[in-house]
Amino acid sequence: MKMPFSTWYTIITVAAGLAFAAMALAAYATGNNSLIFIGMGFFMAICMTMTSIHAQRQQKARKAASK
């Protein structure tokens, strides 16, 4: 069964959010605040990459529909 891109988009974004939450909890528990910034950077990079891919797919579909 093939999953649509929107499902992959949601799964990857939620997984990145959970990873960030886990790193934030670990930072809180250990007192190592650098983990928060590493997790935040990871989450932002994933979100920006997925948003860019999604926008490219929308633009490609829009161009194909206009032809």
N, C-alpha and C. Protein backbone atom coordinates (compact mmCIF):
# COMPACT_ATOMS: atom_id res chain seq x y z
N MET A 1 0.84 -1.18 0.00
CA MET A 1 0.00 0.00 0.00
C MET A 1 0.89 1.25 0.00
N LYS A 2 0.62 2.14 -0.91
CA LYS A 2 1.42 3.35 -1.03
C LYS A 2 0.76 4.49 -0.24
N MET A 3 1.56 5.12 0.62
CA MET A 3 1.03 6.23 1.41
C MET A 3 1.22 7.53 0.64
N PRO A 4 0.23 8.44 0.73
CA PRO A 4 0.40 9.73 0.05
C PRO A 4 1.46 10.58 0.75
N PHE A 5 1.94 11.60 0.02
CA PHE A 5 3.00 12.44 0.56
C PHE A 5 2.57 13.15 1.84
N SER A 6 1.31 13.55 1.92
CA SER A 6 0.85 14.27 3.11
C SER A 6 0.98 13.41 4.36
N THR A 7 0.82 12.11 4.23
CA THR A 7 0.99 11.21 5.37
C THR A 7 2.45 11.17 5.80
N TRP A 8 3.36 11.05 4.82
CA TRP A 8 4.79 11.07 5.14
C TRP A 8 5.19 12.40 5.77
N TYR A 9 4.64 13.49 5.23
CA TYR A 9 4.93 14.83 5.75
C TYR A 9 4.55 14.91 7.22
N THR A 10 3.35 14.43 7.54
CA THR A 10 2.86 14.47 8.92
C THR A 10 3.70 13.58 9.83
N ILE A 11 4.01 12.38 9.38
CA ILE A 11 4.79 11.43 10.20
C ILE A 11 6.18 11.99 10.50
N ILE A 12 6.84 12.54 9.50
CA ILE A 12 8.19 13.06 9.69
C ILE A 12 8.19 14.28 10.61
N THR A 13 7.21 15.17 10.43
CA THR A 13 7.14 16.36 11.28
C THR A 13 6.83 16.00 12.72
N VAL A 14 5.91 15.07 12.94
CA VAL A 14 5.57 14.64 14.30
C VAL A 14 6.77 13.94 14.94
N ALA A 15 7.47 13.10 14.19
CA ALA A 15 8.65 12.41 14.72
C ALA A 15 9.73 13.42 15.12
N ALA A 16 9.92 14.45 14.31
CA ALA A 16 10.90 15.49 14.65
C ALA A 16 10.47 16.24 15.90
N GLY A 17 9.18 16.50 16.04
CA GLY A 17 8.67 17.16 17.24
C GLY A 17 8.86 16.32 18.48
N LEU A 18 8.62 15.03 18.35
CA LEU A 18 8.82 14.12 19.49
C LEU A 18 10.30 14.02 19.86
N ALA A 19 11.18 14.01 18.86
CA ALA A 19 12.62 13.99 19.13
C ALA A 19 13.04 15.26 19.85
N PHE A 20 12.49 16.40 19.43
CA PHE A 20 12.80 17.67 20.10
C PHE A 20 12.29 17.65 21.54
N ALA A 21 11.08 17.13 21.74
CA ALA A 21 10.53 17.05 23.10
C ALA A 21 11.40 16.15 23.98
N ALA A 22 11.85 15.04 23.44
CA ALA A 22 12.70 14.13 24.21
C ALA A 22 14.02 14.80 24.56
N MET A 23 14.59 15.53 23.62
CA MET A 23 15.85 16.23 23.90
C MET A 23 15.65 17.35 24.92
N ALA A 24 14.51 18.02 24.86
CA ALA A 24 14.22 19.07 25.83
C ALA A 24 14.05 18.48 27.23
N LEU A 25 13.38 17.35 27.32
CA LEU A 25 13.22 16.69 28.63
C LEU A 25 14.57 16.20 29.16
N ALA A 26 15.40 15.67 28.26
CA ALA A 26 16.73 15.23 28.68
C ALA A 26 17.57 16.42 29.15
N ALA A 27 17.42 17.55 28.46
CA ALA A 27 18.15 18.75 28.86
C ALA A 27 17.68 19.23 30.23
N TYR A 28 16.39 19.16 30.46
CA TYR A 28 15.84 19.57 31.75
C TYR A 28 16.33 18.65 32.87
N ALA A 29 16.36 17.35 32.57
CA ALA A 29 16.75 16.37 33.59
C ALA A 29 18.25 16.43 33.91
N THR A 30 19.06 16.67 32.89
CA THR A 30 20.51 16.65 33.09
C THR A 30 21.12 18.02 33.33
N GLY A 31 20.39 19.07 33.00
CA GLY A 31 20.92 20.41 33.15
C GLY A 31 21.80 20.83 31.99
N ASN A 32 21.87 20.02 30.95
CA ASN A 32 22.69 20.31 29.77
C ASN A 32 21.83 21.09 28.77
N ASN A 33 21.85 22.42 28.88
CA ASN A 33 20.96 23.25 28.07
C ASN A 33 21.30 23.25 26.59
N SER A 34 22.47 22.82 26.22
CA SER A 34 22.81 22.80 24.80
C SER A 34 21.93 21.81 24.04
N LEU A 35 21.40 20.79 24.72
CA LEU A 35 20.51 19.83 24.05
C LEU A 35 19.25 20.51 23.54
N ILE A 36 18.78 21.53 24.24
CA ILE A 36 17.59 22.25 23.79
C ILE A 36 17.86 22.92 22.45
N PHE A 37 19.02 23.56 22.32
CA PHE A 37 19.34 24.26 21.09
C PHE A 37 19.62 23.29 19.94
N ILE A 38 20.23 22.17 20.25
CA ILE A 38 20.46 21.14 19.23
C ILE A 38 19.12 20.59 18.75
N GLY A 39 18.23 20.29 19.68
CA GLY A 39 16.90 19.78 19.32
C GLY A 39 16.10 20.79 18.55
N MET A 40 16.19 22.06 18.94
CA MET A 40 15.46 23.11 18.24
C MET A 40 15.98 23.26 16.81
N GLY A 41 17.29 23.22 16.64
CA GLY A 41 17.87 23.30 15.31
C GLY A 41 17.45 22.13 14.43
N PHE A 42 17.45 20.94 15.00
CA PHE A 42 17.03 19.73 14.29
C PHE A 42 15.58 19.86 13.86
N PHE A 43 14.71 20.26 14.77
CA PHE A 43 13.29 20.38 14.47
C PHE A 43 13.04 21.44 13.40
N MET A 44 13.71 22.58 13.52
CA MET A 44 13.54 23.63 12.53
C MET A 44 14.04 23.19 11.15
N ALA A 45 15.16 22.49 11.11
CA ALA A 45 15.70 22.02 9.83
C ALA A 45 14.74 21.04 9.16
N ILE A 46 14.19 20.12 9.94
CA ILE A 46 13.24 19.15 9.39
C ILE A 46 11.98 19.86 8.88
N CYS A 47 11.44 20.77 9.68
CA CYS A 47 10.23 21.49 9.27
C CYS A 47 10.46 22.32 8.02
N MET A 48 11.58 23.02 7.96
CA MET A 48 11.86 23.85 6.79
C MET A 48 12.08 23.00 5.54
N THR A 49 12.77 21.89 5.69
CA THR A 49 13.00 20.99 4.55
C THR A 49 11.69 20.41 4.04
N MET A 50 10.86 19.93 4.96
CA MET A 50 9.59 19.33 4.54
C MET A 50 8.66 20.37 3.92
N THR A 51 8.66 21.59 4.44
CA THR A 51 7.84 22.65 3.87
C THR A 51 8.32 23.00 2.47
N SER A 52 9.63 23.05 2.27
CA SER A 52 10.19 23.33 0.96
C SER A 52 9.81 22.24 -0.05
N ILE A 53 9.92 21.00 0.35
CA ILE A 53 9.56 19.89 -0.54
C ILE A 53 8.07 19.96 -0.88
N HIS A 54 7.24 20.25 0.11
CA HIS A 54 5.80 20.35 -0.12
C HIS A 54 5.49 21.49 -1.09
N ALA A 55 6.13 22.64 -0.92
CA ALA A 55 5.90 23.77 -1.81
C ALA A 55 6.35 23.45 -3.24
N GLN A 56 7.47 22.75 -3.38
CA GLN A 56 7.94 22.37 -4.71
C GLN A 56 6.95 21.44 -5.40
N ARG A 57 6.39 20.51 -4.63
CA ARG A 57 5.40 19.58 -5.19
C ARG A 57 4.13 20.32 -5.61
N GLN A 58 3.70 21.31 -4.81
CA GLN A 58 2.52 22.09 -5.16
C GLN A 58 2.77 22.90 -6.43
N GLN A 59 3.96 23.50 -6.54
CA GLN A 59 4.29 24.31 -7.71
C GLN A 59 4.33 23.42 -8.96
N LYS A 60 4.90 22.23 -8.83
CA LYS A 60 4.98 21.31 -9.96
C LYS A 60 3.57 20.91 -10.41
N ALA A 61 2.69 20.63 -9.45
CA ALA A 61 1.32 20.25 -9.78
C ALA A 61 0.56 21.42 -10.42
N ARG A 62 0.81 22.63 -9.94
CA ARG A 62 0.15 23.81 -10.49
C ARG A 62 0.59 24.04 -11.94
N LYS A 63 1.88 23.86 -12.21
CA LYS A 63 2.40 24.02 -13.58
C LYS A 63 1.80 22.96 -14.51
N ALA A 64 1.70 21.73 -14.01
CA ALA A 64 1.16 20.64 -14.83
C ALA A 64 -0.33 20.87 -15.11
N ALA A 65 -1.05 21.44 -14.17
CA ALA A 65 -2.49 21.68 -14.35
C ALA A 65 -2.75 22.82 -15.32
N SER A 66 -1.83 23.76 -15.41
CA SER A 66 -2.03 24.91 -16.30
C SER A 66 -1.71 24.60 -17.75
N LYS A 67 -1.04 23.50 -18.02
CA LYS A 67 -0.67 23.15 -19.41
C LYS A 67 -1.85 22.55 -20.15
